Amino acid sequence: MQKNKPMKNVLLYLSTFFLFSFSTTLLAQTQAEMNQTAINNFNKADIELNQVYKKLLKKVSEKEKNLLITAQKNWIKFRDSKCAFEKEEYNGGSIQPLIYYTCLAECTSDRTKDLKRNLEDRNKRYK
């Protein structure tokens, strides 16, 4: 039994080191850093959304394109008002930007998944 103990300790040490070295969520951050991370996450999600949206626009008919554009504009209004509502509870607090941009990122990622599914379905149908 004693022979395995040093190996377990090494594995425990390496696992802990790995988690703390590569995971910003486990490290203590200032509120400003967490807010900036949330903004960065939203920006990444927004870029991906726009890429998928543009691909989908190329795959649809003219009538569908107009409907998709309208749906996307309405979705953006919904997302923005939903997240404005969610952040209002924290009005004046330093956490408010974190709440707002996390909401934007999550909603945007969900919308991207929806658009990706639509795009994948179209790609399957028209092969």
C-alpha atoms as a PDB file:
ATOM      1  CA  MET A   1       0.000   0.000   0.000  1.00  0.00           C
ATOM      2  CA  GLN A   2       2.797   2.437   0.829  1.00  0.00           C
ATOM      3  CA  LYS A   3       4.212   2.153  -2.707  1.00  0.00           C
ATOM      4  CA  ASN A   4       1.084   3.731  -4.245  1.00  0.00           C
ATOM      5  CA  LYS A   5       0.920   6.621  -1.785  1.00  0.00           C
ATOM      6  CA  PRO A   6       3.732   8.694  -3.381  1.00  0.00           C
ATOM      7  CA  MET A   7       2.142   8.200  -6.801  1.00  0.00           C
ATOM      8  CA  LYS A   8      -1.263   9.288  -5.482  1.00  0.00           C
ATOM      9  CA  ASN A   9       0.320  12.384  -3.967  1.00  0.00           C
ATOM     10  CA  VAL A  10       2.006  13.248  -7.256  1.00  0.00           C
ATOM     11  CA  LEU A  11      -1.249  12.772  -9.161  1.00  0.00           C
ATOM     12  CA  LEU A  12      -3.135  14.875  -6.628  1.00  0.00           C
ATOM     13  CA  TYR A  13      -0.506  17.611  -6.856  1.00  0.00           C
ATOM     14  CA  LEU A  14      -0.502  17.588 -10.671  1.00  0.00           C
ATOM     15  CA  SER A  15      -4.289  17.627 -10.840  1.00  0.00           C
ATOM     16  CA  THR A  16      -4.500  20.542  -8.440  1.00  0.00           C
ATOM     17  CA  PHE A  17      -1.753  22.416 -10.277  1.00  0.00           C
ATOM     18  CA  PHE A  18      -3.482  21.853 -13.610  1.00  0.00           C
ATOM     19  CA  LEU A  19      -6.828  23.090 -12.343  1.00  0.00           C
ATOM     20  CA  PHE A  20      -5.420  26.216 -10.771  1.00  0.00           C
ATOM     21  CA  SER A  21      -3.074  26.984 -13.646  1.00  0.00           C
ATOM     22  CA  PHE A  22      -5.572  26.757 -16.456  1.00  0.00           C
ATOM     23  CA  SER A  23      -8.917  27.683 -14.977  1.00  0.00           C
ATOM     24  CA  THR A  24      -9.639  31.357 -14.467  1.00  0.00           C
ATOM     25  CA  THR A  25     -12.911  30.513 -12.779  1.00  0.00           C
ATOM     26  CA  LEU A  26     -11.091  28.854  -9.876  1.00  0.00           C
ATOM     27  CA  LEU A  27      -8.719  31.736  -9.347  1.00  0.00           C
ATOM     28  CA  ALA A  28      -9.703  34.710  -7.261  1.00  0.00           C
ATOM     29  CA  GLN A  29     -10.490  37.649  -9.526  1.00  0.00           C
ATOM     30  CA  THR A  30     -11.451  41.210  -8.941  1.00  0.00           C
ATOM     31  CA  GLN A  31     -14.945  42.293  -9.900  1.00  0.00           C
ATOM     32  CA  ALA A  32     -13.466  44.330 -12.748  1.00  0.00           C
ATOM     33  CA  GLU A  33     -11.677  41.231 -14.089  1.00  0.00           C
ATOM     34  CA  MET A  34     -14.836  39.141 -13.860  1.00  0.00           C
ATOM     35  CA  ASN A  35     -16.797  41.888 -15.636  1.00  0.00           C
ATOM     36  CA  GLN A  36     -14.178  42.033 -18.399  1.00  0.00           C
ATOM     37  CA  THR A  37     -14.232  38.243 -18.766  1.00  0.00           C
ATOM     38  CA  ALA A  38     -18.018  38.384 -19.162  1.00  0.00           C
ATOM     39  CA  ILE A  39     -17.680  41.104 -21.827  1.00  0.00           C
ATOM     40  CA  ASN A  40     -15.058  39.043 -23.660  1.00  0.00           C
ATOM     41  CA  ASN A  41     -17.274  35.940 -23.498  1.00  0.00           C
ATOM     42  CA  PHE A  42     -20.180  37.899 -24.940  1.00  0.00           C
ATOM     43  CA  ASN A  43     -18.021  39.287 -27.749  1.00  0.00           C
ATOM     44  CA  LYS A  44     -16.853  35.759 -28.666  1.00  0.00           C
ATOM     45  CA  ALA A  45     -20.429  34.475 -28.598  1.00  0.00           C
ATOM     46  CA  ASP A  46     -21.589  37.398 -30.749  1.00  0.00           C
ATOM     47  CA  ILE A  47     -18.882  36.753 -33.358  1.00  0.00           C
ATOM     48  CA  GLU A  48     -19.873  33.089 -33.583  1.00  0.00           C
ATOM     49  CA  LEU A  49     -23.562  34.007 -33.829  1.00  0.00           C
ATOM     50  CA  ASN A  50     -22.897  36.366 -36.718  1.00  0.00           C
ATOM     51  CA  GLN A  51     -20.846  33.756 -38.566  1.00  0.00           C
ATOM     52  CA  VAL A  52     -23.583  31.133 -38.284  1.00  0.00           C
ATOM     53  CA  TYR A  53     -26.297  33.673 -39.135  1.00  0.00           C
ATOM     54  CA  LYS A  54     -24.476  34.712 -42.324  1.00  0.00           C
ATOM     55  CA  LYS A  55     -24.057  31.064 -43.373  1.00  0.00           C
ATOM     56  CA  LEU A  56     -27.744  30.433 -42.814  1.00  0.00           C
ATOM     57  CA  LEU A  57     -28.746  33.531 -44.798  1.00  0.00           C
ATOM     58  CA  LYS A  58     -26.903  32.079 -47.794  1.00  0.00           C
ATOM     59  CA  LYS A  59     -28.893  28.823 -47.586  1.00  0.00           C
ATOM     60  CA  VAL A  60     -32.440  30.197 -47.492  1.00  0.00           C
ATOM     61  CA  SER A  61     -34.840  31.421 -50.157  1.00  0.00           C
ATOM     62  CA  GLU A  62     -35.584  35.126 -50.565  1.00  0.00           C
ATOM     63  CA  LYS A  63     -38.866  34.801 -48.642  1.00  0.00           C
ATOM     64  CA  GLU A  64     -37.154  32.859 -45.854  1.00  0.00           C
ATOM     65  CA  LYS A  65     -34.339  35.417 -45.800  1.00  0.00           C
ATOM     66  CA  ASN A  66     -36.785  38.236 -45.074  1.00  0.00           C
ATOM     67  CA  LEU A  67     -38.420  36.172 -42.336  1.00  0.00           C
ATOM     68  CA  LEU A  68     -35.059  35.252 -40.830  1.00  0.00           C
ATOM     69  CA  ILE A  69     -33.898  38.880 -40.818  1.00  0.00           C
ATOM     70  CA  THR A  70     -37.113  39.931 -39.087  1.00  0.00           C
ATOM     71  CA  ALA A  71     -36.832  37.071 -36.590  1.00  0.00           C
ATOM     72  CA  GLN A  72     -33.221  37.971 -35.832  1.00  0.00           C
ATOM     73  CA  LYS A  73     -34.025  41.638 -35.270  1.00  0.00           C
ATOM     74  CA  ASN A  74     -36.891  40.666 -32.962  1.00  0.00           C
ATOM     75  CA  TRP A  75     -34.678  38.164 -31.154  1.00  0.00           C
ATOM     76  CA  ILE A  76     -32.009  40.856 -30.550  1.00  0.00           C
ATOM     77  CA  LYS A  77     -34.667  43.164 -29.080  1.00  0.00           C
ATOM     78  CA  PHE A  78     -35.893  40.341 -26.850  1.00  0.00           C
ATOM     79  CA  ARG A  79     -32.369  39.378 -25.729  1.00  0.00           C
ATOM     80  CA  ASP A  80     -31.413  42.950 -24.946  1.00  0.00           C
ATOM     81  CA  SER A  81     -34.601  43.686 -22.996  1.00  0.00           C
ATOM     82  CA  LYS A  82     -34.394  40.358 -21.129  1.00  0.00           C
ATOM     83  CA  CYS A  83     -30.837  41.078 -20.032  1.00  0.00           C
ATOM     84  CA  ALA A  84     -31.662  44.701 -19.157  1.00  0.00           C
ATOM     85  CA  PHE A  85     -34.394  43.333 -16.899  1.00  0.00           C
ATOM     86  CA  GLU A  86     -32.044  40.804 -15.279  1.00  0.00           C
ATOM     87  CA  LYS A  87     -29.355  43.386 -14.543  1.00  0.00           C
ATOM     88  CA  GLU A  88     -31.810  45.905 -13.066  1.00  0.00           C
ATOM     89  CA  GLU A  89     -31.997  43.975  -9.804  1.00  0.00           C
ATOM     90  CA  TYR A  90     -28.311  44.842  -9.312  1.00  0.00           C
ATOM     91  CA  ASN A  91     -28.621  48.519 -10.292  1.00  0.00           C
ATOM     92  CA  GLY A  92     -25.713  50.478  -8.868  1.00  0.00           C
ATOM     93  CA  GLY A  93     -23.775  47.369  -7.886  1.00  0.00           C
ATOM     94  CA  SER A  94     -20.365  46.474  -9.235  1.00  0.00           C
ATOM     95  CA  ILE A  95     -21.697  43.047 -10.226  1.00  0.00           C
ATOM     96  CA  GLN A  96     -24.262  44.552 -12.620  1.00  0.00           C
ATOM     97  CA  PRO A  97     -22.020  44.357 -15.733  1.00  0.00           C
ATOM     98  CA  LEU A  98     -21.213  40.720 -14.929  1.00  0.00           C
ATOM     99  CA  ILE A  99     -24.912  39.876 -14.710  1.00  0.00           C
ATOM    100  CA  TYR A 100     -25.710  41.766 -17.914  1.00  0.00           C
ATOM    101  CA  TYR A 101     -22.922  40.425 -20.099  1.00  0.00           C
ATOM    102  CA  THR A 102     -23.289  36.888 -18.789  1.00  0.00           C
ATOM    103  CA  CYS A 103     -26.965  37.040 -19.741  1.00  0.00           C
ATOM    104  CA  LEU A 104     -26.083  38.397 -23.197  1.00  0.00           C
ATOM    105  CA  ALA A 105     -23.479  35.666 -23.717  1.00  0.00           C
ATOM    106  CA  GLU A 106     -25.801  32.856 -22.604  1.00  0.00           C
ATOM    107  CA  CYS A 107     -28.716  34.067 -24.727  1.00  0.00           C
ATOM    108  CA  THR A 108     -26.432  34.568 -27.709  1.00  0.00           C
ATOM    109  CA  SER A 109     -24.949  31.085 -27.345  1.00  0.00           C
ATOM    110  CA  ASP A 110     -28.438  29.593 -27.145  1.00  0.00           C
ATOM    111  CA  ARG A 111     -29.481  31.469 -30.296  1.00  0.00           C
ATOM    112  CA  THR A 112     -26.341  30.277 -32.073  1.00  0.00           C
ATOM    113  CA  LYS A 113     -27.246  26.683 -31.206  1.00  0.00           C
ATOM    114  CA  ASP A 114     -30.724  27.215 -32.677  1.00  0.00           C
ATOM    115  CA  LEU A 115     -29.332  28.678 -35.884  1.00  0.00           C
ATOM    116  CA  LYS A 116     -26.723  25.905 -36.131  1.00  0.00           C
ATOM    117  CA  ARG A 117     -29.442  23.265 -35.849  1.00  0.00           C
ATOM    118  CA  ASN A 118     -31.395  24.970 -38.625  1.00  0.00           C
ATOM    119  CA  LEU A 119     -28.284  25.162 -40.788  1.00  0.00           C
ATOM    120  CA  GLU A 120     -27.402  21.516 -40.134  1.00  0.00           C
ATOM    121  CA  ASP A 121     -30.942  20.415 -40.985  1.00  0.00           C
ATOM    122  CA  ARG A 122     -30.775  22.299 -44.267  1.00  0.00           C
ATOM    123  CA  ASN A 123     -27.361  20.830 -45.082  1.00  0.00           C
ATOM    124  CA  LYS A 124     -28.726  17.311 -44.477  1.00  0.00           C
ATOM    125  CA  ARG A 125     -31.833  17.920 -46.567  1.00  0.00           C
ATOM    126  CA  TYR A 126     -30.042  19.346 -49.567  1.00  0.00           C
ATOM    127  CA  LYS A 127     -27.154  16.886 -49.868  1.00  0.00           C
END
